[in-house]
Amino acid sequence: VQLVESGGGLVQPGGSIRLACEASGFAFEAVSMSWLRRAPGKALEWISTITRNGRITTYADSVKGRFTISRDNPKNALYLQMTDLRSEDTATYYCALDNTLGQGTQVTVAS
């Protein structure tokens, strides 16, 4: 299993950014996938999950209405569109297959 996140960076409050995760080494189209994050000094936090066909998505209350998870099964890719970003969204973001995480991508929200 290999998960490689990309797309992080520095964003101003209220801004948007799109994260991507390239998956390999398993049947991507057959599994649900998730995004998690770890803010500085805090525990790992679940953000969102999408079912294998993309029909059902769930979100943590902290991001509901601002973040959108999606996937492209033919490309083995998972995405997280983040809008209306706040300073408290600053964290390292990970895509996850069960307990397996990628290396993460850093998102910093600051003016």
Protein backbone atom coordinates (compact mmCIF):
# COMPACT_ATOMS: atom_id res chain seq x y z
CA VAL A 1 0.00 0.00 0.00
CA GLN A 2 1.35 3.41 -0.94
CA LEU A 3 -0.41 6.73 -0.38
CA VAL A 4 1.19 9.97 -1.56
CA GLU A 5 -0.41 13.27 -0.67
CA SER A 6 0.21 16.56 -2.45
CA GLY A 7 -1.22 20.04 -2.81
CA GLY A 8 -0.51 21.55 0.56
CA GLY A 9 0.86 25.03 1.09
CA LEU A 10 0.33 28.43 2.65
CA VAL A 11 -3.18 29.83 2.28
CA GLN A 12 -4.75 33.02 3.57
CA PRO A 13 -7.76 32.83 5.87
CA GLY A 14 -10.89 32.45 3.79
CA GLY A 15 -8.94 30.93 0.95
CA SER A 16 -9.16 27.55 -0.73
CA ILE A 17 -6.85 24.71 -1.57
CA ARG A 18 -7.20 21.24 -3.05
CA LEU A 19 -5.31 18.26 -1.75
CA ALA A 20 -4.70 15.10 -3.75
CA CYS A 21 -3.68 11.59 -2.80
CA GLU A 22 -2.24 9.12 -5.27
CA ALA A 23 -2.88 5.54 -4.22
CA SER A 24 -1.17 2.36 -5.36
CA GLY A 25 -0.58 -1.22 -4.31
CA PHE A 26 -4.18 -2.15 -3.64
CA ALA A 27 -7.61 -2.24 -5.29
CA PHE A 28 -8.44 1.42 -4.80
CA GLU A 29 -11.89 1.14 -6.34
CA ALA A 30 -12.90 -1.51 -3.82
CA VAL A 31 -12.34 0.41 -0.58
CA SER A 32 -13.53 3.44 1.32
CA MET A 33 -10.91 6.15 1.79
CA SER A 34 -10.50 8.88 4.35
CA TRP A 35 -8.70 12.11 5.13
CA LEU A 36 -7.29 12.82 8.58
CA ARG A 37 -5.23 15.68 9.96
CA ARG A 38 -2.90 16.44 12.82
CA ALA A 39 -2.66 20.00 14.04
CA PRO A 40 0.43 21.11 15.96
CA GLY A 41 0.36 19.67 19.46
CA LYS A 42 -2.93 17.86 18.90
CA ALA A 43 -4.08 14.32 18.27
CA LEU A 44 -4.82 12.87 14.88
CA GLU A 45 -8.32 13.96 13.80
CA TRP A 46 -10.63 12.23 11.34
CA ILE A 47 -11.90 14.66 8.71
CA SER A 48 -13.87 12.80 6.10
CA THR A 49 -14.61 9.42 4.50
CA ILE A 50 -15.88 8.47 1.06
CA THR A 51 -17.27 5.09 0.09
CA ARG A 52 -15.73 3.09 -2.70
CA ASN A 53 -18.18 4.30 -5.33
CA GLY A 54 -18.21 7.86 -4.04
CA ARG A 55 -21.91 7.89 -3.33
CA ILE A 56 -21.67 8.39 0.42
CA THR A 57 -19.46 10.98 2.08
CA THR A 58 -19.21 11.87 5.75
CA TYR A 59 -17.51 14.79 7.47
CA ALA A 60 -16.40 15.90 10.87
CA ASP A 61 -18.49 18.76 12.23
CA SER A 62 -15.41 20.97 12.21
CA VAL A 63 -15.20 20.89 8.40
CA LYS A 64 -18.76 20.15 7.30
CA GLY A 65 -19.94 22.60 4.66
CA ARG A 66 -16.39 23.78 3.93
CA PHE A 67 -14.52 20.67 2.80
CA THR A 68 -15.49 18.25 0.03
CA ILE A 69 -14.03 14.79 -0.41
CA SER A 70 -14.06 13.13 -3.82
CA ARG A 71 -12.33 10.38 -5.73
CA ASP A 72 -11.44 9.34 -9.25
CA ASN A 73 -11.24 5.56 -9.28
CA PRO A 74 -9.73 5.17 -12.77
CA LYS A 75 -6.90 7.48 -11.65
CA ASN A 76 -6.55 5.87 -8.20
CA ALA A 77 -6.86 9.36 -6.78
CA LEU A 78 -8.50 10.85 -3.70
CA TYR A 79 -9.11 14.57 -3.28
CA LEU A 80 -10.02 17.05 -0.58
CA GLN A 81 -11.31 20.45 -1.66
CA MET A 82 -10.96 22.86 1.24
CA THR A 83 -12.70 26.22 1.26
CA ASP A 84 -13.24 29.05 3.74
CA LEU A 85 -10.04 28.04 5.46
CA ARG A 86 -9.40 29.12 9.03
CA SER A 87 -6.28 29.28 11.14
CA GLU A 88 -7.47 26.22 13.06
CA ASP A 89 -7.31 24.22 9.81
CA THR A 90 -3.52 24.48 9.93
CA ALA A 91 -2.31 20.89 10.10
CA THR A 92 -0.62 18.06 8.31
CA TYR A 93 -3.22 16.29 6.20
CA TYR A 94 -3.12 12.58 5.53
CA CYS A 95 -5.08 10.30 3.27
CA ALA A 96 -5.81 6.96 4.85
CA LEU A 97 -6.77 3.42 4.06
CA ASP A 98 -7.89 1.97 7.38
CA ASN A 99 -4.82 2.46 9.63
CA THR A 100 -2.37 3.14 6.82
CA LEU A 101 -1.49 6.79 6.25
CA GLY A 102 0.57 8.57 3.67
CA GLN A 103 3.47 10.86 4.54
CA GLY A 104 1.13 13.84 4.76
CA THR A 105 1.02 17.29 3.23
CA GLN A 106 1.23 20.48 5.26
CA VAL A 107 -1.49 23.12 5.07
CA THR A 108 -0.83 26.42 6.81
CA VAL A 109 -3.56 29.03 7.03
CA ALA A 110 -2.13 32.44 7.82
CA SER A 111 -2.24 35.99 6.53
